[in-house]
Amino acid sequence: MSQIRVLVVGCGNMGASHAIAYKTIGGFEICGIVSTGKSKEVLNERLGGGYPLFSDYDEALAKTKPDAVCISTYPDTHEAFAIKAFENGAHVFIEKPVADTVEGAERVAAAAIKYGKKLVVGYILRHHPSWEKFVELSHQLGKPLVMRMNLNQQSHGNMWDVHRNLMKSLSPIVDCGVHYIDVMCQMTRSKPLQVTAIGARLTDDIPEDNYNYGQLQIRFEDGSVGWYEAGWGPMMSETAFFVKDVIGPKGCVSIVAKEAGGTGKSDNVDSHTKTESLRFHHADIDVKNQFLKDDEWINLTDEPDHQELCNREQRYFLKAIQDDVDLTDHIQDAVNSLKIAFACDESVKTGQVVYL
């Protein structure tokens, strides 16, 4: 089968990682690189040089006529860029979130159907063996579930620039939260009923209507509940920046990231997916209330780094195109988790419970 010619749009952390994946895994051929700034030159050099470079997306589409487009730009461009790609006959890999509004995400999903093209959303944790195991083990804990998750980042240097740019259009609990809301929905397999959320603006470096710390709570139809917390900025605490627990009547499962939880690593992208170990605690007790089983430590030998996870995402994208994989559920899950995240954002701004 001929190579899939892919246009890489956006050359930051994620865009560069996806471009490296296209270069290394086979099946793809990069036909152009697009960014408004110097990052395209840096990425071009990193890939060995010789790729057509563009500052304008429309020009790049017209000149390269790609089979696929990889969109890793800031969220406020996602909707327009994805729909234009579909209109030009290209499949789309898009970093989460699908768009910066729920309606926008639904328009992107509808365009994929209208033009008969594949839409894969960058839900990186779905490709991580330890996170897949985390979800699988949660189904052994009974119901209801209690899910406790966070990812606070003491961002500085370039990462603070990235976060400030992201907060021009989205809050941390929307941008990051969609991953963990998606995980909660996979764990409960139940309908979310309502959300509440709080947030605080801890810096004047972001728009007046946004906040750089947020915490959300979700209630599910089966009685399960979950919370997620995300804060970005140089003022953030690194104490307990990484909490990943699921608790049920029969016990609990935790992701334990001792090394990734070390000082100064909370804004390192590799530490966000690093799991190291899963701890499975069984609640069974005897007549003296003593535990019947020791905790199990599950250390999966397959511990992909951030680049390898991106490689796996792009292999999935390739398979979706070549094997005509039905992505209906994948797309619906992406839109659904974004809908929940925006309901949380609404709760922060109104101080009210939001019913789904």
Foldseek 3Di string as FASTA:
>chain_A
DDAFEEEQEDQPPLSLLLVVLQLPPDRHDHQEYEDLDCSRVVSCVVSPHDHHYYDDLVVCCVVRLGQAYEADDAQQCQLVSLLVCLVSNHAYEYEPPNHLDLVSLVNSVVSCVVSVHHYFYCLLLVLFVVLVVQLVVLLVFADDKEKEWEQEALDDDVLLVVQQVNLQRDECCLRVVLNVLLSVCSNRVFAWWWKAKAFAAPDPSHDPLYGQKMKMKIATPRRHIYMYIYGYYNPDDLVPNGWTKMHHNFWIKTQDDPPCSDPPNSSPVQSVQFRQWMWTTTCDADPVSHDPDDIDIDGDPPGDTPSVSSSSSVVVVSCCVVVVDDCVVSSVSSSVSSVNSVSNVVNNNPVDMGTD
